[in-house]
Protein backbone atom coordinates (compact mmCIF):
# COMPACT_ATOMS: atom_id res chain seq x y z
CA MET A 1 103.66 106.13 108.71
CA SER A 2 101.65 108.14 107.13
CA GLN A 3 101.02 107.58 108.88
CA LEU A 4 102.89 104.80 111.59
CA GLY A 5 101.95 103.05 114.68
CA ALA A 6 104.56 100.84 116.26
CA TYR A 7 106.44 101.27 119.51
CA SER A 8 108.02 99.01 122.08
CA ASN A 9 110.66 98.82 124.75
CA GLY A 10 112.93 97.55 122.00
CA TRP A 11 113.54 101.10 120.79
CA ALA A 12 112.99 103.07 123.97
CA ILE A 13 115.47 105.92 123.94
CA ASP A 14 118.07 106.16 126.68
CA THR A 15 117.78 109.64 128.15
CA ALA A 16 121.12 109.47 129.98
CA VAL A 17 123.33 112.50 129.22
CA PRO A 18 126.80 113.69 130.29
CA VAL A 19 127.03 115.04 133.83
CA ASP A 20 127.68 118.59 132.67
CA LEU A 21 124.37 118.61 130.79
CA GLN A 22 122.19 117.13 133.48
CA ASN A 23 121.13 120.56 134.74
CA SER A 24 120.38 121.95 131.29
CA ASN A 25 117.45 121.71 128.92
CA ASP A 26 119.38 119.18 126.80
CA LYS A 27 118.34 116.50 129.27
CA ASP A 28 114.71 117.06 128.32
CA TYR A 29 114.90 117.90 124.64
CA HIS A 30 118.05 116.46 123.11
CA PRO A 31 116.86 112.81 122.97
CA VAL A 32 113.49 113.93 121.61
CA LEU A 33 115.19 115.89 118.85
CA LYS A 34 117.30 112.87 117.93
CA ALA A 35 114.17 110.72 117.85
CA PHE A 36 112.53 113.26 115.53
CA LEU A 37 115.49 113.26 113.12
CA ALA A 38 115.78 109.47 113.12
CA GLY A 39 112.05 109.10 112.54
CA SER A 40 112.09 111.66 109.73
CA PHE A 41 114.89 109.83 107.95
CA SER A 42 113.10 106.49 108.19
CA GLY A 43 109.89 108.18 106.99
CA THR A 44 111.65 109.60 103.91
CA PHE A 45 112.90 106.19 102.85
CA SER A 46 109.59 104.38 103.22
CA THR A 47 107.45 107.21 101.79
CA ILE A 48 109.38 107.35 98.52
CA LEU A 49 109.43 103.57 98.13
CA PHE A 50 105.71 102.99 98.67
CA GLN A 51 104.18 106.13 97.13
CA PRO A 52 102.76 104.21 94.11
CA LEU A 53 100.57 102.10 96.40
CA ASP A 54 99.12 105.20 98.05
CA LEU A 55 98.39 106.75 94.66
CA VAL A 56 96.56 103.63 93.48
CA LYS A 57 94.60 103.47 96.74
CA THR A 58 93.38 107.05 96.25
CA ARG A 59 92.36 106.35 92.65
CA LEU A 60 90.52 103.18 93.68
CA GLN A 61 88.50 105.18 96.20
CA ASN A 62 87.62 107.71 93.47
CA PRO A 63 86.80 105.38 90.54
CA SER A 64 85.13 108.02 88.36
CA GLN A 65 88.53 109.56 87.64
CA HIS A 66 91.27 108.16 85.39
CA VAL A 67 90.02 104.59 85.50
CA VAL A 68 89.47 102.82 82.19
CA ALA A 69 88.00 99.70 83.70
CA THR A 70 87.77 96.30 82.11
CA ALA A 71 84.35 94.82 81.41
CA VAL A 72 83.58 91.36 82.79
CA ASN A 73 80.13 89.94 82.03
CA SER A 74 78.92 93.48 81.22
CA ARG A 75 80.01 94.72 84.64
CA ILE A 76 82.69 97.34 85.18
CA GLN A 77 85.58 95.91 87.19
CA PRO A 78 88.15 98.57 88.04
CA GLY A 79 90.93 97.07 90.11
CA MET A 80 94.40 97.69 91.41
CA ILE A 81 96.20 96.17 88.41
CA THR A 82 93.93 98.06 85.98
CA ILE A 83 94.71 101.35 87.67
CA PHE A 84 98.42 100.62 87.71
CA ALA A 85 98.28 99.92 83.96
CA ASN A 86 96.22 103.05 83.24
CA ILE A 87 98.60 105.29 85.16
CA ILE A 88 101.65 103.91 83.34
CA ARG A 89 99.91 104.21 79.97
CA GLN A 90 98.64 107.75 80.52
CA GLU A 91 101.34 109.27 82.73
CA GLN A 92 104.37 106.99 82.21
CA ILE A 93 106.28 105.32 85.07
CA ALA A 94 106.89 108.68 86.74
CA GLY A 95 103.12 109.05 87.11
CA LEU A 96 103.19 106.41 89.85
CA TRP A 97 105.00 108.95 92.01
CA ARG A 98 102.46 111.73 91.41
CA GLY A 99 102.01 113.70 94.62
CA MET A 100 105.49 112.85 95.86
CA VAL A 101 106.19 116.40 97.12
CA PRO A 102 103.08 116.69 99.33
CA SER A 103 103.59 113.10 100.48
CA ILE A 104 107.10 113.90 101.69
CA ALA A 105 105.93 117.22 103.16
CA ARG A 106 103.32 115.31 105.15
CA CYS A 107 104.91 111.96 105.97
CA VAL A 108 108.50 112.92 106.75
CA PRO A 109 107.79 115.45 109.53
CA GLY A 110 104.74 113.38 110.49
CA VAL A 111 106.82 110.27 111.17
CA GLY A 112 109.39 112.37 113.01
CA LEU A 113 106.71 113.96 115.18
CA TYR A 114 105.16 110.56 115.83
CA PHE A 115 108.37 108.91 117.05
CA SER A 116 109.50 111.90 119.10
CA SER A 117 106.02 112.26 120.63
CA LEU A 118 106.02 108.59 121.58
CA HIS A 119 109.38 108.94 123.29
CA TRP A 120 108.25 112.05 125.17
CA LEU A 121 104.93 110.50 126.20
CA LYS A 122 106.58 107.29 127.37
CA SER A 123 109.06 109.25 129.48
CA LYS A 124 106.14 111.13 131.05
CA LEU A 125 104.65 107.77 132.06
CA GLY A 126 107.90 107.00 133.85
CA LYS A 127 108.66 104.05 131.59
CA THR A 128 112.30 103.03 131.25
CA ARG A 129 113.87 101.32 128.27
CA ASN A 130 113.48 97.90 129.92
CA GLN A 131 109.82 98.24 130.78
CA ASP A 132 107.20 96.85 128.44
CA LEU A 133 104.06 98.76 127.55
CA GLY A 134 100.77 97.17 128.48
CA ALA A 135 98.10 96.74 125.79
CA LEU A 136 96.00 99.70 126.96
CA GLU A 137 99.09 101.87 127.48
CA ALA A 138 100.23 101.10 123.93
CA ILE A 139 96.83 101.99 122.47
CA GLY A 140 96.68 105.23 124.47
CA LEU A 141 100.20 106.35 123.52
CA GLY A 142 99.67 105.52 119.85
CA VAL A 143 96.37 107.39 119.67
CA VAL A 144 97.66 110.53 121.40
CA ALA A 145 100.96 110.70 119.48
CA ARG A 146 99.28 110.21 116.12
CA SER A 147 96.56 112.74 116.91
CA MET A 148 99.19 115.36 117.68
CA SER A 149 100.97 114.92 114.36
CA GLY A 150 97.70 114.46 112.44
CA VAL A 151 96.26 117.80 113.55
CA ALA A 152 99.53 119.62 112.84
CA LEU A 153 99.78 118.25 109.29
CA ILE A 154 96.15 118.13 108.11
CA PRO A 155 96.74 120.80 105.39
CA MET A 156 99.42 118.57 103.85
CA THR A 157 97.04 115.61 104.04
CA VAL A 158 94.39 117.51 102.07
CA ILE A 159 96.88 118.59 99.38
CA LYS A 160 98.38 115.10 99.14
CA THR A 161 94.96 113.50 98.60
CA ARG A 162 94.00 116.04 95.91
CA TYR A 163 97.33 115.72 94.11
CA GLU A 164 97.04 111.94 93.92
CA SER A 165 93.41 111.88 92.83
CA GLY A 166 93.96 113.69 89.53
CA VAL A 167 90.77 115.70 90.17
CA TYR A 168 92.71 118.88 90.93
CA LYS A 169 95.50 120.37 88.80
CA TYR A 170 97.89 122.14 91.12
CA ASN A 171 101.26 123.31 89.83
CA SER A 172 103.10 123.42 93.15
CA LEU A 173 102.73 122.85 96.86
CA SER A 174 102.61 126.58 97.63
CA GLY A 175 100.19 127.10 94.74
CA ALA A 176 97.90 124.42 96.13
CA LEU A 177 97.93 126.01 99.59
CA LYS A 178 97.06 129.42 98.16
CA ALA A 179 94.36 128.06 95.83
CA ILE A 180 92.62 126.09 98.58
CA TYR A 181 92.81 128.97 101.04
CA ARG A 182 91.39 131.48 98.51
CA ALA A 183 88.56 129.20 97.44
CA GLU A 184 87.65 127.44 100.69
CA GLY A 185 89.45 129.22 103.53
CA ILE A 186 90.72 127.46 106.64
CA ARG A 187 87.89 124.96 106.37
CA GLY A 188 89.25 123.74 103.06
CA LEU A 189 92.72 123.20 104.52
CA SER A 190 91.30 121.16 107.38
CA CYS A 191 88.47 119.28 105.65
CA GLY A 192 88.36 115.60 106.49
CA LEU A 193 90.14 116.12 109.82
CA GLY A 194 87.58 114.02 111.67
CA PRO A 195 87.84 110.95 109.40
CA THR A 196 91.61 111.43 109.17
CA LEU A 197 91.95 111.20 112.95
CA ALA A 198 89.34 108.42 113.04
CA ARG A 199 91.57 106.52 110.59
CA ASP A 200 95.08 107.37 111.78
CA ALA A 201 94.72 107.57 115.56
CA PRO A 202 93.08 104.12 115.96
CA PHE A 203 95.50 102.72 113.37
CA SER A 204 98.49 103.91 115.38
CA GLY A 205 96.99 102.78 118.67
CA LEU A 206 96.09 99.33 117.34
CA TYR A 207 99.40 99.03 115.49
CA LEU A 208 101.37 99.88 118.62
CA MET A 209 99.35 97.44 120.70
CA PHE A 210 99.67 94.57 118.19
CA TYR A 211 103.37 95.34 117.66
CA THR A 212 104.32 95.43 121.33
CA GLN A 213 102.22 92.41 122.27
CA THR A 214 103.56 90.34 119.36
CA LYS A 215 107.12 91.36 120.20
CA GLN A 216 106.69 90.53 123.88
CA ALA A 217 105.46 87.06 122.90
CA LEU A 218 108.73 86.30 121.10
CA PRO A 219 111.54 84.49 122.91
CA LYS A 220 113.97 87.12 124.23
CA GLU A 221 116.97 85.38 122.67
CA TRP A 222 115.54 86.04 119.19
CA LEU A 223 116.13 89.76 119.73
CA GLN A 224 119.70 89.53 120.99
CA THR A 225 121.59 89.87 117.68
CA PRO A 226 121.11 92.89 115.34
CA THR A 227 120.29 90.79 112.25
CA ALA A 228 117.74 88.60 114.00
CA ALA A 229 116.24 91.60 115.79
CA SER A 230 115.67 93.45 112.51
CA VAL A 231 113.90 90.44 111.01
CA MET A 232 111.72 90.09 114.10
CA HIS A 233 110.88 93.82 114.17
CA PHE A 234 109.86 93.69 110.51
CA SER A 235 107.78 90.54 111.02
CA CYS A 236 105.97 92.00 114.03
CA GLY A 237 105.32 95.14 111.98
CA ILE A 238 103.73 93.12 109.19
CA VAL A 239 101.34 91.35 111.56
CA ALA A 240 100.40 94.60 113.30
CA GLY A 241 99.96 96.49 110.02
CA ILE A 242 97.55 94.00 108.45
CA ALA A 243 95.27 93.97 111.48
CA ALA A 244 95.28 97.73 111.99
CA SER A 245 94.83 98.56 108.29
CA LEU A 246 91.71 96.44 107.86
CA ALA A 247 90.14 97.88 111.01
CA THR A 248 90.56 101.50 109.88
CA ASN A 249 89.92 101.32 106.11
CA PRO A 250 86.29 102.57 106.30
CA ALA A 251 87.49 105.85 107.84
CA ASP A 252 90.07 106.18 105.07
CA VAL A 253 87.36 105.91 102.41
CA LEU A 254 85.29 108.64 104.08
CA LYS A 255 88.35 110.86 104.47
CA THR A 256 89.12 110.62 100.75
CA LYS A 257 85.55 111.52 99.74
CA MET A 258 85.44 114.55 102.05
CA GLN A 259 88.80 115.93 100.93
CA LEU A 260 88.09 115.51 97.21
CA TYR A 261 84.51 116.82 97.27
CA PRO A 262 84.11 119.07 100.34
CA ASP A 263 80.98 120.76 98.97
CA LYS A 264 79.23 117.45 98.33
CA PHE A 265 80.34 115.81 101.58
CA PRO A 266 80.53 118.45 104.35
CA ASN A 267 80.68 115.81 107.08
CA ALA A 268 81.52 112.16 107.62
CA PHE A 269 77.87 111.13 107.89
CA SER A 270 76.97 112.37 104.40
CA ALA A 271 80.01 110.59 102.96
CA ALA A 272 79.09 107.38 104.77
CA VAL A 273 75.51 107.49 103.47
CA TYR A 274 76.75 108.01 99.90
CA VAL A 275 79.26 105.17 100.08
CA HIS A 276 76.72 102.77 101.57
CA GLN A 277 73.99 103.64 99.06
CA THR A 278 76.34 103.50 96.08
CA TYR A 279 78.58 100.55 96.88
CA GLY A 280 77.14 98.82 99.91
CA VAL A 281 79.31 97.55 102.77
CA LYS A 282 82.12 96.60 100.40
CA GLY A 283 82.46 100.28 99.49
CA TYR A 284 84.05 100.92 102.88
CA PHE A 285 86.90 98.64 101.88
CA LYS A 286 87.72 100.18 98.51
CA GLY A 287 91.47 100.55 98.20
CA ALA A 288 91.99 98.18 101.13
CA VAL A 289 94.59 96.01 99.36
CA PRO A 290 97.01 98.77 98.22
CA ARG A 291 96.47 100.65 101.48
CA MET A 292 97.16 97.53 103.54
CA LEU A 293 100.27 96.76 101.50
CA ARG A 294 101.57 100.32 101.77
CA ARG A 295 100.74 100.98 105.42
CA THR A 296 101.97 97.58 106.53
CA LEU A 297 105.23 97.60 104.58
CA MET A 298 105.86 101.30 105.20
CA ALA A 299 105.35 101.02 108.95
CA ALA A 300 107.37 97.81 109.25
CA MET A 301 110.24 99.20 107.17
CA ALA A 302 110.25 102.62 108.83
CA TRP A 303 110.26 100.95 112.22
CA THR A 304 113.14 98.66 111.29
CA VAL A 305 115.15 101.57 109.85
CA PHE A 306 114.41 103.64 112.95
CA GLU A 307 115.62 100.81 115.18
CA GLU A 308 118.91 100.65 113.29
CA ILE A 309 119.43 104.43 113.23
CA THR A 310 118.76 104.85 116.93
CA ARG A 311 121.14 102.01 117.70
CA SER A 312 123.88 103.46 115.51
CA ILE A 313 123.67 107.01 116.94
CA GLY A 314 123.63 105.83 120.51
CA LEU A 315 120.02 106.42 121.53
CA LYS A 316 119.75 102.89 122.92
C-alpha cells in the first residue's frame, strides 16, 4: 500500500450513526475503526499476492547479493527474470515469499492506518461523501496520512528490507528487532526514515491526486453499477500507480541502500552520491519495473477490495 495512495469521494465513509449513539464517542471513532479494519483486510490480500515482486525489487537494488547474472557481450546483465530464476533455483518457490512475516506486520496495519487516517482527515476538512477532493487537497491528505503510518511502522520497514535482501539472517521477527536494537540502537530501527517518507509520502499524495482526478473525469454513469464501478476503480488505480511509482523510485533506491548498509550510508546524500557514481542516473531507477508492477497492482487491488468491503458493511 505499502504502501497505498488512493482516495476519492467514491469511498467516503458515511459517519451517520443511530440516534442513541450521537452523543457518544462512537460518532467520532466507530467509522474510523471500521475503515481501519476494512483497509487492513484489503492490505492482507494484496500484500500476500504481490510479495514476490517486492522481493525481486529489493534484490535488484542490491545486485551484489544472490544474483548470478547472465553475461551479454562481456557485460553483466542482472535483471528481473534472472533474479526470479535464481531465487527459485536456490530457495525454491517458497523463497519468492521470503520476508512475508515482516511484510504483513508492516503493510497490513499500515494500509489500515492509511485508510482510517484519510477518513479522519477528510472529515476534519468538512468534506462529505458527495464532495470531490481538489488536486491540492488530495496531495495534502495523501502526504499527511502516509507520513503518519510511515513513522509509526518504520521499524517494520527496516526489518522487511533486510529480510528480503538476503544480506541478514534473522530467525524471527522478534529476533530481528532484538538484534538490530542491540547492535544499532534506536537509530538502527529508524534508519532510512527520511528516504522512506520521501518515497511513500509523495507516492501517496500523487497517487491520491491522480486517482481522484482520473475518477472525476469519468462519466458518472460508469460508476453507477457495482461491477462497472470496480473495473473503473481498478483502472484509475493502475493509471495513478504507474505515474506515482516512476516519480518516487529514486527515493526507494536510496532507502534500500541506507537500511541495508547503515554504517556505509549514514544519510541520503551519501547514498545518492554512491548510486550516481556507480550506476549513473539509471541507478536511481533500479528495481523500477517490479516496484511499479507491485505498487500499482497492490494499490489498485487493495483499493477495489476496500471499496467492496466498505459497501458491504454499510460504510457508504
